[in-house]
Amino acid sequence: MSLSDFAAKYRLKIAADSCGNPIIRCQLSKDSNISDYSDTELAICWITDGKKPARTGLWNRTKAKCLAAGMTLSQEGEAEGIFVFDPADPVQAKLAIKSVKARAKRKMTPEALTRLAIVGFKGPKHTQEGLVSV
């Protein structure tokens, strides 16, 4: 499964890193992301924000959960690391998304789109499966 397929399946937004490579940005820190590793595997780069002292407790708990789920630890630092995982495995995929705090795009219901159209919301012009146009 490619990064774009993974992002589409879990409603994640793909961005470009400083080199122009596609990644999924995460909220754990500005450097944490999900990226391609090989043709069949993806990697999560788990890095803390650096604002607090090294969060080794959080890192150790996350590392234990990821290893228990079958992920491979590729690189490890004091409180950071890179895990390689199989995106086709739903347990590993959901744990990867949760551990680096990747946020899914919101899914608008037809009722919410209608309500926004009534109040005159001037957001982006797109539809949800052609049901309602805002």
C-alpha atoms as a PDB file:
ATOM      1  CA  MET A   1       0.000   0.000   0.000  1.00  0.00           C
ATOM      2  CA  SER A   2       1.420   3.373  -0.980  1.00  0.00           C
ATOM      3  CA  LEU A   3       1.387   6.512   1.145  1.00  0.00           C
ATOM      4  CA  SER A   4      -1.378   8.045  -0.985  1.00  0.00           C
ATOM      5  CA  ASP A   5      -3.545   4.909  -0.640  1.00  0.00           C
ATOM      6  CA  PHE A   6      -2.942   4.912   3.127  1.00  0.00           C
ATOM      7  CA  ALA A   7      -3.843   8.606   3.364  1.00  0.00           C
ATOM      8  CA  ALA A   8      -7.030   8.093   1.352  1.00  0.00           C
ATOM      9  CA  LYS A   9      -8.099   5.081   3.431  1.00  0.00           C
ATOM     10  CA  TYR A  10      -7.663   6.902   6.759  1.00  0.00           C
ATOM     11  CA  ARG A  11      -8.631  10.406   5.485  1.00  0.00           C
ATOM     12  CA  LEU A  12      -5.190  11.927   6.147  1.00  0.00           C
ATOM     13  CA  LYS A  13      -3.690  14.910   4.366  1.00  0.00           C
ATOM     14  CA  ILE A  14      -0.490  14.519   2.351  1.00  0.00           C
ATOM     15  CA  ALA A  15       1.999  17.398   2.371  1.00  0.00           C
ATOM     16  CA  ALA A  16       5.563  17.826   1.150  1.00  0.00           C
ATOM     17  CA  ASP A  17       8.628  17.920   3.374  1.00  0.00           C
ATOM     18  CA  SER A  18      11.534  20.335   2.858  1.00  0.00           C
ATOM     19  CA  CYS A  19      12.935  18.102   0.085  1.00  0.00           C
ATOM     20  CA  GLY A  20       9.587  17.832  -1.691  1.00  0.00           C
ATOM     21  CA  ASN A  21       8.928  14.220  -0.665  1.00  0.00           C
ATOM     22  CA  PRO A  22       5.323  13.326   0.244  1.00  0.00           C
ATOM     23  CA  ILE A  23       4.633  12.909   3.970  1.00  0.00           C
ATOM     24  CA  ILE A  24       1.709  12.969   6.366  1.00  0.00           C
ATOM     25  CA  ARG A  25       2.362  15.678   8.942  1.00  0.00           C
ATOM     26  CA  CYS A  26       1.520  14.938  12.555  1.00  0.00           C
ATOM     27  CA  GLN A  27       0.789  16.928  15.691  1.00  0.00           C
ATOM     28  CA  LEU A  28       3.194  15.212  18.086  1.00  0.00           C
ATOM     29  CA  SER A  29       5.824  17.710  16.901  1.00  0.00           C
ATOM     30  CA  LYS A  30       6.625  19.616  13.731  1.00  0.00           C
ATOM     31  CA  ASP A  31       9.179  16.939  12.798  1.00  0.00           C
ATOM     32  CA  SER A  32       6.965  13.887  13.393  1.00  0.00           C
ATOM     33  CA  ASN A  33       5.492  12.365  10.253  1.00  0.00           C
ATOM     34  CA  ILE A  34       4.419   9.265   8.381  1.00  0.00           C
ATOM     35  CA  SER A  35       6.326   8.596   5.168  1.00  0.00           C
ATOM     36  CA  ASP A  36       7.198   5.947   2.598  1.00  0.00           C
ATOM     37  CA  TYR A  37       9.812   3.390   3.632  1.00  0.00           C
ATOM     38  CA  SER A  38       9.638   0.798   0.857  1.00  0.00           C
ATOM     39  CA  ASP A  39       7.153  -0.387  -1.754  1.00  0.00           C
ATOM     40  CA  THR A  40       5.147  -2.283   0.866  1.00  0.00           C
ATOM     41  CA  GLU A  41       5.979  -0.503   4.121  1.00  0.00           C
ATOM     42  CA  LEU A  42       5.579   2.932   5.668  1.00  0.00           C
ATOM     43  CA  ALA A  43       7.520   4.541   8.508  1.00  0.00           C
ATOM     44  CA  ILE A  44       6.588   6.808  11.385  1.00  0.00           C
ATOM     45  CA  CYS A  45       9.135   9.296  12.592  1.00  0.00           C
ATOM     46  CA  TRP A  46       8.356   9.748  16.300  1.00  0.00           C
ATOM     47  CA  ILE A  47      10.069  12.894  17.608  1.00  0.00           C
ATOM     48  CA  THR A  48       9.049  14.983  20.608  1.00  0.00           C
ATOM     49  CA  ASP A  49       8.572  18.722  20.328  1.00  0.00           C
ATOM     50  CA  GLY A  50      11.716  19.573  22.319  1.00  0.00           C
ATOM     51  CA  LYS A  51       9.897  22.157  24.458  1.00  0.00           C
ATOM     52  CA  LYS A  52       9.925  19.898  27.497  1.00  0.00           C
ATOM     53  CA  PRO A  53      12.758  17.781  28.846  1.00  0.00           C
ATOM     54  CA  ALA A  54      13.173  14.461  27.060  1.00  0.00           C
ATOM     55  CA  ARG A  55       9.868  12.634  27.403  1.00  0.00           C
ATOM     56  CA  THR A  56      11.421   9.220  27.926  1.00  0.00           C
ATOM     57  CA  GLY A  57       8.363   7.845  29.750  1.00  0.00           C
ATOM     58  CA  LEU A  58       6.087   8.596  26.808  1.00  0.00           C
ATOM     59  CA  TRP A  59       8.709   7.275  24.400  1.00  0.00           C
ATOM     60  CA  ASN A  60       9.129   4.023  26.354  1.00  0.00           C
ATOM     61  CA  ARG A  61       5.362   3.421  26.482  1.00  0.00           C
ATOM     62  CA  THR A  62       4.973   4.177  22.768  1.00  0.00           C
ATOM     63  CA  LYS A  63       7.945   1.968  21.881  1.00  0.00           C
ATOM     64  CA  ALA A  64       6.504  -0.946  23.890  1.00  0.00           C
ATOM     65  CA  LYS A  65       3.081  -0.620  22.208  1.00  0.00           C
ATOM     66  CA  CYS A  66       4.572  -0.401  18.715  1.00  0.00           C
ATOM     67  CA  LEU A  67       6.865  -3.380  19.218  1.00  0.00           C
ATOM     68  CA  ALA A  68       3.985  -5.413  20.689  1.00  0.00           C
ATOM     69  CA  ALA A  69       1.910  -4.621  17.581  1.00  0.00           C
ATOM     70  CA  GLY A  70       4.663  -6.033  15.361  1.00  0.00           C
ATOM     71  CA  MET A  71       6.297  -2.834  14.119  1.00  0.00           C
ATOM     72  CA  THR A  72      10.045  -2.821  13.492  1.00  0.00           C
ATOM     73  CA  LEU A  73      12.210  -0.269  15.302  1.00  0.00           C
ATOM     74  CA  SER A  74      14.520   1.094  12.614  1.00  0.00           C
ATOM     75  CA  GLN A  75      16.294   3.847  14.555  1.00  0.00           C
ATOM     76  CA  GLU A  76      16.227   4.786  18.210  1.00  0.00           C
ATOM     77  CA  GLY A  77      17.377   7.817  20.147  1.00  0.00           C
ATOM     78  CA  GLU A  78      16.988   8.897  23.764  1.00  0.00           C
ATOM     79  CA  ALA A  79      13.337   9.848  23.336  1.00  0.00           C
ATOM     80  CA  GLU A  80      12.713   9.457  19.612  1.00  0.00           C
ATOM     81  CA  GLY A  81      12.751   6.826  16.929  1.00  0.00           C
ATOM     82  CA  ILE A  82      11.567   5.525  13.590  1.00  0.00           C
ATOM     83  CA  PHE A  83       9.193   2.570  13.316  1.00  0.00           C
ATOM     84  CA  VAL A  84       8.528   0.651  10.105  1.00  0.00           C
ATOM     85  CA  PHE A  85       5.035  -0.804   9.787  1.00  0.00           C
ATOM     86  CA  ASP A  86       2.751  -2.611   7.380  1.00  0.00           C
ATOM     87  CA  PRO A  87      -0.005  -0.192   6.292  1.00  0.00           C
ATOM     88  CA  ALA A  88      -2.258  -3.103   5.310  1.00  0.00           C
ATOM     89  CA  ASP A  89      -2.358  -4.277   8.953  1.00  0.00           C
ATOM     90  CA  PRO A  90      -5.189  -2.266  10.580  1.00  0.00           C
ATOM     91  CA  VAL A  91      -3.788  -2.649  14.107  1.00  0.00           C
ATOM     92  CA  GLN A  92      -0.389  -1.278  13.116  1.00  0.00           C
ATOM     93  CA  ALA A  93      -1.906   1.437  10.940  1.00  0.00           C
ATOM     94  CA  LYS A  94      -4.223   2.771  13.647  1.00  0.00           C
ATOM     95  CA  LEU A  95      -1.462   2.640  16.260  1.00  0.00           C
ATOM     96  CA  ALA A  96       0.878   4.536  13.925  1.00  0.00           C
ATOM     97  CA  ILE A  97      -1.723   7.256  13.352  1.00  0.00           C
ATOM     98  CA  LYS A  98      -2.495   7.530  17.056  1.00  0.00           C
ATOM     99  CA  SER A  99       1.104   7.492  18.288  1.00  0.00           C
ATOM    100  CA  VAL A 100       2.203  10.479  16.177  1.00  0.00           C
ATOM    101  CA  LYS A 101      -1.182  12.237  16.474  1.00  0.00           C
ATOM    102  CA  ALA A 102      -2.034  12.406  12.779  1.00  0.00           C
ATOM    103  CA  ARG A 103      -5.430  14.063  12.418  1.00  0.00           C
ATOM    104  CA  ALA A 104      -8.033  12.771  10.001  1.00  0.00           C
ATOM    105  CA  LYS A 105      -9.880  15.203   7.781  1.00  0.00           C
ATOM    106  CA  ARG A 106     -13.414  15.858   8.953  1.00  0.00           C
ATOM    107  CA  LYS A 107     -16.228  14.192   7.093  1.00  0.00           C
ATOM    108  CA  MET A 108     -19.167  16.516   6.506  1.00  0.00           C
ATOM    109  CA  THR A 109     -22.631  14.997   6.617  1.00  0.00           C
ATOM    110  CA  PRO A 110     -25.244  16.106   4.093  1.00  0.00           C
ATOM    111  CA  GLU A 111     -27.181  17.740   6.954  1.00  0.00           C
ATOM    112  CA  ALA A 112     -24.145  19.774   8.022  1.00  0.00           C
ATOM    113  CA  LEU A 113     -23.493  20.880   4.432  1.00  0.00           C
ATOM    114  CA  THR A 114     -27.144  21.936   4.081  1.00  0.00           C
ATOM    115  CA  ARG A 115     -27.034  23.850   7.371  1.00  0.00           C
ATOM    116  CA  LEU A 116     -23.873  25.674   6.275  1.00  0.00           C
ATOM    117  CA  ALA A 117     -25.456  26.512   2.920  1.00  0.00           C
ATOM    118  CA  ILE A 118     -28.493  27.990   4.678  1.00  0.00           C
ATOM    119  CA  VAL A 119     -26.431  30.263   6.929  1.00  0.00           C
ATOM    120  CA  GLY A 120     -24.313  31.398   3.990  1.00  0.00           C
ATOM    121  CA  PHE A 121     -20.959  29.796   4.753  1.00  0.00           C
ATOM    122  CA  LYS A 122     -18.400  31.082   2.231  1.00  0.00           C
ATOM    123  CA  GLY A 123     -15.864  28.239   2.550  1.00  0.00           C
ATOM    124  CA  PRO A 124     -14.283  26.208  -0.244  1.00  0.00           C
ATOM    125  CA  LYS A 125     -16.648  25.154  -2.995  1.00  0.00           C
ATOM    126  CA  HIS A 126     -16.708  21.351  -2.905  1.00  0.00           C
ATOM    127  CA  THR A 127     -19.304  18.645  -2.549  1.00  0.00           C
ATOM    128  CA  GLN A 128     -19.644  15.421  -0.680  1.00  0.00           C
ATOM    129  CA  GLU A 129     -20.447  12.789  -3.293  1.00  0.00           C
ATOM    130  CA  GLY A 130     -22.449  15.336  -5.266  1.00  0.00           C
ATOM    131  CA  LEU A 131     -25.192  15.627  -2.629  1.00  0.00           C
ATOM    132  CA  VAL A 132     -25.111  19.318  -1.776  1.00  0.00           C
ATOM    133  CA  SER A 133     -23.083  22.132  -3.228  1.00  0.00           C
ATOM    134  CA  VAL A 134     -22.050  24.916  -0.869  1.00  0.00           C
END
